[in-house]
Amino acid sequence: MKPLIPVFASLILAGCADTYPDITNNSSGVPDPDPASNDTFFNADYMDDGDTGTLGPDDRQDYYRLAGSRFESSYNGTLTISLTNMNGNADLEVFDHNLNLLSWSRTEGTADEVVTLWYDASRNTDPDSRGLHMVKVSSVDGNNMNYTLRISFN
């Protein structure tokens, strides 16, 4: 009698590919980044150094996307993202292109939030998701607040 484990394992692995959202494929019906609303991963704004934003009771989170083609398509090195000029308590989180949480900063109060990680623009060969990272800024207490996002490559 043949063991059932390899067949069972291959069925599980075959279903894993569909568990992640496709955040780069416009043909899947996912909208392009929309500057009018960046309240979900799918409507994330492209992030530039010095971007400013506001959060409040009805808008507790903003999303941004970083992509290799947006910065330097061949850049590999240290990327630092900081959340500054806050007049409220907010947190900063960074995700990869599959929306896996890579790093975060959850400092109390209005102190700057800083995340440093390795940025690899050549991580895959798809030009739409090469080096893609998602950034989430979220209000801790839901009060009205302003912030500035900074990016630096070292």
Protein backbone atom coordinates (compact mmCIF):
# COMPACT_ATOMS: atom_id res chain seq x y z
CA MET A 1 0.00 0.00 0.00
CA LYS A 2 1.36 3.46 -0.96
CA PRO A 3 1.62 6.10 1.76
CA LEU A 4 -0.95 8.92 1.55
CA ILE A 5 1.27 11.64 3.03
CA PRO A 6 2.91 12.82 -0.23
CA VAL A 7 -0.48 13.15 -1.98
CA PHE A 8 -1.98 15.01 0.99
CA ALA A 9 1.04 17.34 1.22
CA SER A 10 0.91 18.17 -2.49
CA LEU A 11 -2.80 19.04 -2.22
CA ILE A 12 -2.11 21.40 0.66
CA LEU A 13 0.79 23.10 -1.13
CA ALA A 14 -1.20 23.43 -4.35
CA GLY A 15 -3.82 25.51 -2.51
CA CYS A 16 -1.27 27.82 -0.86
CA ALA A 17 -0.61 29.88 -3.98
CA ASP A 18 -4.14 31.30 -3.88
CA THR A 19 -4.04 32.41 -0.26
CA TYR A 20 -2.23 35.72 -0.88
CA PRO A 21 -3.93 38.70 -2.51
CA ASP A 22 -2.48 39.79 -5.83
CA ILE A 23 -1.73 43.43 -5.07
CA THR A 24 0.12 44.04 -8.34
CA ASN A 25 -2.21 42.62 -10.98
CA ASN A 26 -4.60 45.26 -12.32
CA SER A 27 -6.38 42.67 -14.48
CA SER A 28 -7.61 41.02 -11.26
CA GLY A 29 -9.92 43.97 -10.65
CA VAL A 30 -7.71 45.53 -8.00
CA PRO A 31 -7.68 49.30 -8.49
CA ASP A 32 -4.51 51.27 -9.06
CA PRO A 33 -3.25 53.36 -6.16
CA ASP A 34 -5.75 56.15 -5.69
CA PRO A 35 -4.66 59.40 -4.05
CA ALA A 36 -8.25 60.10 -2.94
CA SER A 37 -8.29 57.19 -0.47
CA ASN A 38 -5.35 55.18 0.81
CA ASP A 39 -7.26 53.39 3.56
CA THR A 40 -6.59 49.83 2.27
CA PHE A 41 -3.63 47.93 0.84
CA PHE A 42 -5.36 47.94 -2.53
CA ASN A 43 -5.68 51.74 -2.65
CA ALA A 44 -2.21 52.46 -1.29
CA ASP A 45 -0.52 55.65 -2.44
CA TYR A 46 3.01 55.52 -3.82
CA MET A 47 5.25 56.80 -1.05
CA ASP A 48 7.70 59.64 -1.54
CA ASP A 49 10.07 61.17 0.99
CA GLY A 50 8.29 63.88 2.95
CA ASP A 51 4.73 62.68 2.33
CA THR A 52 2.28 64.07 4.86
CA GLY A 53 -1.01 62.64 6.02
CA THR A 54 -3.78 62.91 8.55
CA LEU A 55 -5.60 60.32 10.62
CA GLY A 56 -8.80 60.61 12.64
CA PRO A 57 -11.75 58.74 14.15
CA ASP A 58 -13.15 57.78 10.71
CA ASP A 59 -9.74 57.35 9.04
CA ARG A 60 -7.50 55.41 11.46
CA GLN A 61 -5.00 54.04 8.94
CA ASP A 62 -3.18 54.98 5.75
CA TYR A 63 -1.28 52.68 3.39
CA TYR A 64 1.62 53.42 1.07
CA ARG A 65 3.54 51.30 -1.37
CA LEU A 66 7.21 51.25 -2.18
CA ALA A 67 8.38 49.59 -5.37
CA GLY A 68 11.83 49.14 -6.88
CA SER A 69 10.77 50.76 -10.14
CA ARG A 70 9.51 53.79 -8.17
CA PHE A 71 12.94 54.35 -6.58
CA GLU A 72 15.97 52.59 -8.01
CA SER A 73 15.19 49.31 -9.76
CA SER A 74 18.59 47.84 -8.95
CA TYR A 75 18.97 49.18 -5.38
CA ASN A 76 19.90 46.71 -2.68
CA GLY A 77 20.69 48.07 0.75
CA THR A 78 19.36 49.50 3.96
CA LEU A 79 16.03 51.30 3.81
CA THR A 80 14.91 53.44 6.72
CA ILE A 81 11.31 54.63 6.98
CA SER A 82 10.40 57.09 9.70
CA LEU A 83 7.13 58.54 10.89
CA THR A 84 7.75 62.04 12.25
CA ASN A 85 6.04 65.34 13.14
CA MET A 86 3.17 63.53 14.84
CA ASN A 87 0.78 65.34 17.13
CA GLY A 88 -0.74 62.03 18.27
CA ASN A 89 0.19 58.39 18.87
CA ALA A 90 0.60 56.35 15.67
CA ASP A 91 2.34 53.10 14.72
CA LEU A 92 4.38 52.19 11.64
CA GLU A 93 4.40 48.73 9.99
CA VAL A 94 6.17 47.44 6.85
CA PHE A 95 4.93 44.44 4.82
CA ASP A 96 6.40 42.54 1.85
CA HIS A 97 4.60 42.05 -1.48
CA ASN A 98 2.67 39.08 -0.02
CA LEU A 99 1.51 41.25 2.91
CA ASN A 100 3.73 39.44 5.42
CA LEU A 101 4.65 41.76 8.30
CA LEU A 102 8.41 42.41 8.05
CA SER A 103 9.03 45.06 10.68
CA TRP A 104 7.23 47.58 12.85
CA SER A 105 7.65 50.44 15.30
CA ARG A 106 5.12 50.96 18.09
CA THR A 107 6.66 53.66 20.24
CA GLU A 108 4.30 55.32 22.75
CA GLY A 109 3.21 58.94 22.39
CA THR A 110 4.47 61.37 19.78
CA ALA A 111 8.06 60.05 19.61
CA ASP A 112 9.24 59.25 16.07
CA GLU A 113 8.55 55.75 14.76
CA VAL A 114 11.50 54.29 12.81
CA VAL A 115 11.82 51.02 10.85
CA THR A 116 15.09 49.93 9.22
CA LEU A 117 15.23 46.90 6.93
CA TRP A 118 17.04 45.42 3.97
CA TYR A 119 15.53 46.57 0.67
CA ASP A 120 16.07 44.25 -2.29
CA ALA A 121 14.65 45.63 -5.53
CA SER A 122 15.73 42.51 -7.43
CA ARG A 123 13.88 40.12 -5.10
CA ASN A 124 11.83 38.84 -8.01
CA THR A 125 11.76 39.46 -11.75
CA ASP A 126 8.23 40.87 -12.06
CA PRO A 127 8.68 44.61 -12.75
CA ASP A 128 5.39 45.44 -10.98
CA SER A 129 6.35 43.81 -7.69
CA ARG A 130 10.16 44.00 -7.78
CA GLY A 131 11.18 45.08 -4.29
CA LEU A 132 7.58 45.93 -3.42
CA HIS A 133 6.95 46.82 0.20
CA MET A 134 3.75 48.14 1.78
CA VAL A 135 3.78 50.67 4.62
CA LYS A 136 0.93 51.09 7.10
CA VAL A 137 0.49 54.10 9.37
CA SER A 138 -2.20 53.60 12.01
CA SER A 139 -3.62 55.78 14.75
CA VAL A 140 -3.43 54.16 18.18
CA ASP A 141 -6.13 56.21 19.89
CA GLY A 142 -8.25 57.30 16.89
CA ASN A 143 -7.81 61.01 17.58
CA ASN A 144 -7.18 63.56 14.83
CA MET A 145 -3.48 63.81 14.04
CA ASN A 146 -0.97 64.78 11.36
CA TYR A 147 2.26 63.03 10.38
CA THR A 148 5.17 63.08 7.94
CA LEU A 149 6.80 60.00 6.35
CA ARG A 150 10.51 60.00 5.53
CA ILE A 151 12.51 57.51 3.45
CA SER A 152 16.26 57.13 3.26
CA PHE A 153 18.50 54.62 1.53
CA ASN A 154 21.89 53.94 3.13
